[in-house]
C-alpha atoms as a PDB file:
ATOM      1  CA  UNK A   1       0.000   0.000   0.000  1.00  0.00           C
ATOM      2  CA  UNK A   2       1.077   3.577  -0.569  1.00  0.00           C
ATOM      3  CA  UNK A   3       1.806   5.908   2.342  1.00  0.00           C
ATOM      4  CA  UNK A   4      -1.363   7.907   1.697  1.00  0.00           C
ATOM      5  CA  UNK A   5      -3.476   4.778   1.400  1.00  0.00           C
ATOM      6  CA  UNK A   6      -1.958   3.527   4.658  1.00  0.00           C
ATOM      7  CA  UNK A   7      -2.811   6.851   6.322  1.00  0.00           C
ATOM      8  CA  UNK A   8      -6.434   6.685   5.111  1.00  0.00           C
ATOM      9  CA  UNK A   9      -6.669   3.068   6.250  1.00  0.00           C
ATOM     10  CA  UNK A  10      -5.290   4.016   9.673  1.00  0.00           C
ATOM     11  CA  UNK A  11      -7.988   6.682  10.132  1.00  0.00           C
ATOM     12  CA  UNK A  12     -10.628   4.023   9.444  1.00  0.00           C
ATOM     13  CA  UNK A  13      -8.980   1.481  11.767  1.00  0.00           C
ATOM     14  CA  UNK A  14      -9.156   4.047  14.577  1.00  0.00           C
ATOM     15  CA  UNK A  15     -12.821   4.836  13.890  1.00  0.00           C
ATOM     16  CA  UNK A  16     -15.752   3.071  15.514  1.00  0.00           C
ATOM     17  CA  UNK A  17     -18.176   3.155  12.618  1.00  0.00           C
ATOM     18  CA  UNK A  18     -18.528   4.026   8.970  1.00  0.00           C
ATOM     19  CA  UNK A  19     -17.043   7.335   7.784  1.00  0.00           C
ATOM     20  CA  UNK A  20     -17.568   9.351   4.631  1.00  0.00           C
ATOM     21  CA  UNK A  21     -14.668  10.434   2.432  1.00  0.00           C
ATOM     22  CA  UNK A  22     -15.278  14.011   3.573  1.00  0.00           C
ATOM     23  CA  UNK A  23     -15.019  12.930   7.240  1.00  0.00           C
ATOM     24  CA  UNK A  24     -11.735  11.121   6.606  1.00  0.00           C
ATOM     25  CA  UNK A  25     -10.392  14.082   4.629  1.00  0.00           C
ATOM     26  CA  UNK A  26     -11.359  16.590   7.341  1.00  0.00           C
ATOM     27  CA  UNK A  27      -9.734  14.499  10.072  1.00  0.00           C
ATOM     28  CA  UNK A  28      -6.534  14.035   8.083  1.00  0.00           C
ATOM     29  CA  UNK A  29      -6.319  17.770   7.342  1.00  0.00           C
ATOM     30  CA  UNK A  30      -6.957  18.572  11.027  1.00  0.00           C
ATOM     31  CA  UNK A  31      -4.011  16.294  11.864  1.00  0.00           C
ATOM     32  CA  UNK A  32      -1.825  18.287   9.466  1.00  0.00           C
ATOM     33  CA  UNK A  33      -1.780  15.876   6.520  1.00  0.00           C
ATOM     34  CA  UNK A  34      -1.239  17.472   3.149  1.00  0.00           C
ATOM     35  CA  UNK A  35      -3.714  15.414   1.150  1.00  0.00           C
ATOM     36  CA  UNK A  36      -6.447  16.285  -1.318  1.00  0.00           C
ATOM     37  CA  UNK A  37     -10.036  15.095  -1.223  1.00  0.00           C
ATOM     38  CA  UNK A  38      -9.592  13.377  -4.603  1.00  0.00           C
ATOM     39  CA  UNK A  39      -6.651  11.400  -3.185  1.00  0.00           C
ATOM     40  CA  UNK A  40      -8.799  10.321  -0.227  1.00  0.00           C
ATOM     41  CA  UNK A  41     -11.538   9.135  -2.612  1.00  0.00           C
ATOM     42  CA  UNK A  42      -8.994   7.186  -4.699  1.00  0.00           C
ATOM     43  CA  UNK A  43      -7.448   5.616  -1.586  1.00  0.00           C
ATOM     44  CA  UNK A  44     -10.863   4.597  -0.239  1.00  0.00           C
ATOM     45  CA  UNK A  45     -11.842   3.042  -3.572  1.00  0.00           C
ATOM     46  CA  UNK A  46      -8.566   1.106  -3.766  1.00  0.00           C
ATOM     47  CA  UNK A  47      -8.980  -0.091  -0.166  1.00  0.00           C
ATOM     48  CA  UNK A  48     -12.561  -1.186  -0.886  1.00  0.00           C
ATOM     49  CA  UNK A  49     -11.504  -2.962  -4.100  1.00  0.00           C
ATOM     50  CA  UNK A  50      -8.762  -4.827  -2.228  1.00  0.00           C
ATOM     51  CA  UNK A  51     -11.112  -5.885   0.593  1.00  0.00           C
ATOM     52  CA  UNK A  52      -9.342  -3.855   3.289  1.00  0.00           C
ATOM     53  CA  UNK A  53     -12.415  -1.707   3.937  1.00  0.00           C
ATOM     54  CA  UNK A  54     -16.152  -2.181   3.762  1.00  0.00           C
ATOM     55  CA  UNK A  55     -18.124   0.304   1.701  1.00  0.00           C
ATOM     56  CA  UNK A  56     -21.852   0.764   1.823  1.00  0.00           C
ATOM     57  CA  UNK A  57     -24.352   3.263   0.558  1.00  0.00           C
ATOM     58  CA  UNK A  58     -26.576   4.958   3.077  1.00  0.00           C
ATOM     59  CA  UNK A  59     -30.307   5.421   2.528  1.00  0.00           C
ATOM     60  CA  UNK A  60     -29.567   8.821   0.964  1.00  0.00           C
ATOM     61  CA  UNK A  61     -26.973   7.336  -1.436  1.00  0.00           C
ATOM     62  CA  UNK A  62     -23.772   8.498   0.262  1.00  0.00           C
ATOM     63  CA  UNK A  63     -20.836   6.063   0.229  1.00  0.00           C
ATOM     64  CA  UNK A  64     -19.342   5.409   3.654  1.00  0.00           C
ATOM     65  CA  UNK A  65     -16.346   3.282   4.621  1.00  0.00           C
ATOM     66  CA  UNK A  66     -15.058   1.255   7.569  1.00  0.00           C
ATOM     67  CA  UNK A  67     -11.998  -0.907   8.142  1.00  0.00           C
ATOM     68  CA  UNK A  68     -13.025  -4.549   7.779  1.00  0.00           C
ATOM     69  CA  UNK A  69     -13.410  -6.441  11.018  1.00  0.00           C
ATOM     70  CA  UNK A  70     -13.518  -9.687   9.076  1.00  0.00           C
ATOM     71  CA  UNK A  71     -11.519 -10.834   6.080  1.00  0.00           C
ATOM     72  CA  UNK A  72     -14.359 -13.072   4.924  1.00  0.00           C
ATOM     73  CA  UNK A  73     -17.184 -12.055   2.605  1.00  0.00           C
ATOM     74  CA  UNK A  74     -20.007 -10.667   4.705  1.00  0.00           C
ATOM     75  CA  UNK A  75     -23.044  -8.423   4.706  1.00  0.00           C
ATOM     76  CA  UNK A  76     -24.199  -5.658   7.043  1.00  0.00           C
ATOM     77  CA  UNK A  77     -27.111  -4.849   9.312  1.00  0.00           C
ATOM     78  CA  UNK A  78     -27.164  -1.062   9.684  1.00  0.00           C
ATOM     79  CA  UNK A  79     -29.168   0.976  12.197  1.00  0.00           C
ATOM     80  CA  UNK A  80     -30.870   3.933  10.519  1.00  0.00           C
ATOM     81  CA  UNK A  81     -30.831   5.911  13.770  1.00  0.00           C
ATOM     82  CA  UNK A  82     -27.336   5.577  15.234  1.00  0.00           C
ATOM     83  CA  UNK A  83     -25.407   3.973  12.365  1.00  0.00           C
ATOM     84  CA  UNK A  84     -24.407   0.903  14.402  1.00  0.00           C
ATOM     85  CA  UNK A  85     -23.329  -1.801  11.977  1.00  0.00           C
ATOM     86  CA  UNK A  86     -23.097  -5.550  12.472  1.00  0.00           C
ATOM     87  CA  UNK A  87     -21.253  -7.840  10.063  1.00  0.00           C
ATOM     88  CA  UNK A  88     -23.246 -10.961   9.269  1.00  0.00           C
ATOM     89  CA  UNK A  89     -22.667 -14.040   7.152  1.00  0.00           C
ATOM     90  CA  UNK A  90     -25.363 -14.830   4.625  1.00  0.00           C
ATOM     91  CA  UNK A  91     -24.969 -18.343   3.253  1.00  0.00           C
ATOM     92  CA  UNK A  92     -28.546 -18.329   1.940  1.00  0.00           C
ATOM     93  CA  UNK A  93     -27.824 -15.062   0.092  1.00  0.00           C
ATOM     94  CA  UNK A  94     -24.665 -16.573  -1.387  1.00  0.00           C
ATOM     95  CA  UNK A  95     -26.563 -19.625  -2.669  1.00  0.00           C
ATOM     96  CA  UNK A  96     -29.391 -17.454  -4.031  1.00  0.00           C
ATOM     97  CA  UNK A  97     -26.988 -15.109  -5.889  1.00  0.00           C
ATOM     98  CA  UNK A  98     -25.164 -18.044  -7.482  1.00  0.00           C
ATOM     99  CA  UNK A  99     -28.439 -19.760  -8.447  1.00  0.00           C
ATOM    100  CA  UNK A 100     -29.960 -16.632  -9.997  1.00  0.00           C
ATOM    101  CA  UNK A 101     -26.764 -15.876 -11.895  1.00  0.00           C
ATOM    102  CA  UNK A 102     -26.482 -19.439 -13.149  1.00  0.00           C
ATOM    103  CA  UNK A 103     -30.147 -19.524 -14.145  1.00  0.00           C
ATOM    104  CA  UNK A 104     -29.510 -16.565 -16.440  1.00  0.00           C
ATOM    105  CA  UNK A 105     -26.128 -17.776 -17.734  1.00  0.00           C
ATOM    106  CA  UNK A 106     -23.989 -15.408 -15.648  1.00  0.00           C
ATOM    107  CA  UNK A 107     -20.644 -16.378 -14.135  1.00  0.00           C
ATOM    108  CA  UNK A 108     -18.295 -14.635 -11.733  1.00  0.00           C
ATOM    109  CA  UNK A 109     -21.209 -13.456  -9.593  1.00  0.00           C
ATOM    110  CA  UNK A 110     -20.515 -10.808  -6.954  1.00  0.00           C
ATOM    111  CA  UNK A 111     -22.935  -8.884  -4.798  1.00  0.00           C
ATOM    112  CA  UNK A 112     -23.296  -6.490  -1.894  1.00  0.00           C
ATOM    113  CA  UNK A 113     -26.088  -6.656   0.663  1.00  0.00           C
ATOM    114  CA  UNK A 114     -26.889  -4.125   3.363  1.00  0.00           C
ATOM    115  CA  UNK A 115     -29.986  -4.516   5.499  1.00  0.00           C
ATOM    116  CA  UNK A 116     -31.225  -1.336   7.182  1.00  0.00           C
ATOM    117  CA  UNK A 117     -33.381  -1.221  10.282  1.00  0.00           C
ATOM    118  CA  UNK A 118     -33.409   0.033  13.860  1.00  0.00           C
ATOM    119  CA  UNK A 119     -31.128  -1.591  16.439  1.00  0.00           C
ATOM    120  CA  UNK A 120     -32.457  -2.793  19.803  1.00  0.00           C
ATOM    121  CA  UNK A 121     -30.983   0.177  21.703  1.00  0.00           C
ATOM    122  CA  UNK A 122     -32.580   2.754  19.421  1.00  0.00           C
ATOM    123  CA  UNK A 123     -35.881   0.852  19.405  1.00  0.00           C
ATOM    124  CA  UNK A 124     -35.894   0.795  23.217  1.00  0.00           C
ATOM    125  CA  UNK A 125     -35.166   4.539  23.345  1.00  0.00           C
ATOM    126  CA  UNK A 126     -38.080   5.290  21.030  1.00  0.00           C
ATOM    127  CA  UNK A 127     -40.668   3.200  22.939  1.00  0.00           C
ATOM    128  CA  UNK A 128     -40.556   5.242  26.193  1.00  0.00           C
ATOM    129  CA  UNK A 129     -40.784   8.473  24.195  1.00  0.00           C
ATOM    130  CA  UNK A 130     -43.813   7.148  22.282  1.00  0.00           C
ATOM    131  CA  UNK A 131     -45.482   6.064  25.531  1.00  0.00           C
ATOM    132  CA  UNK A 132     -44.976   9.466  27.198  1.00  0.00           C
ATOM    133  CA  UNK A 133     -46.332  11.311  24.145  1.00  0.00           C
ATOM    134  CA  UNK A 134     -49.544   9.263  24.263  1.00  0.00           C
ATOM    135  CA  UNK A 135     -50.156  10.040  27.950  1.00  0.00           C
END
């Protein structure tokens, strides 16, 4: 990896959740790095292509990135409220993708799956607020 790619990767390794390219860029600039936003985007794309980082698109279409916790192919459950993300295996999804591709004569099937919802903590926080507003 290049020095700049390593620096971008390090920012993501130190982060708890997914970060946008603009977030990574702003943090690097605040730390004194002389790097352009285009370079950050290129580094993030290269890291995603190589499997070093996960990339997903939020509900509003923004790409966000996180250092991979797992080296294996996986999918994500993402909380719409707090952004908490859980890596999950999806063997049924893998079989389905292969079967659908094969059925239509496709080979070399790849896919990305993100499932969005509300985590248990955010759901629990909403229920008391709903109850008090009904009283």
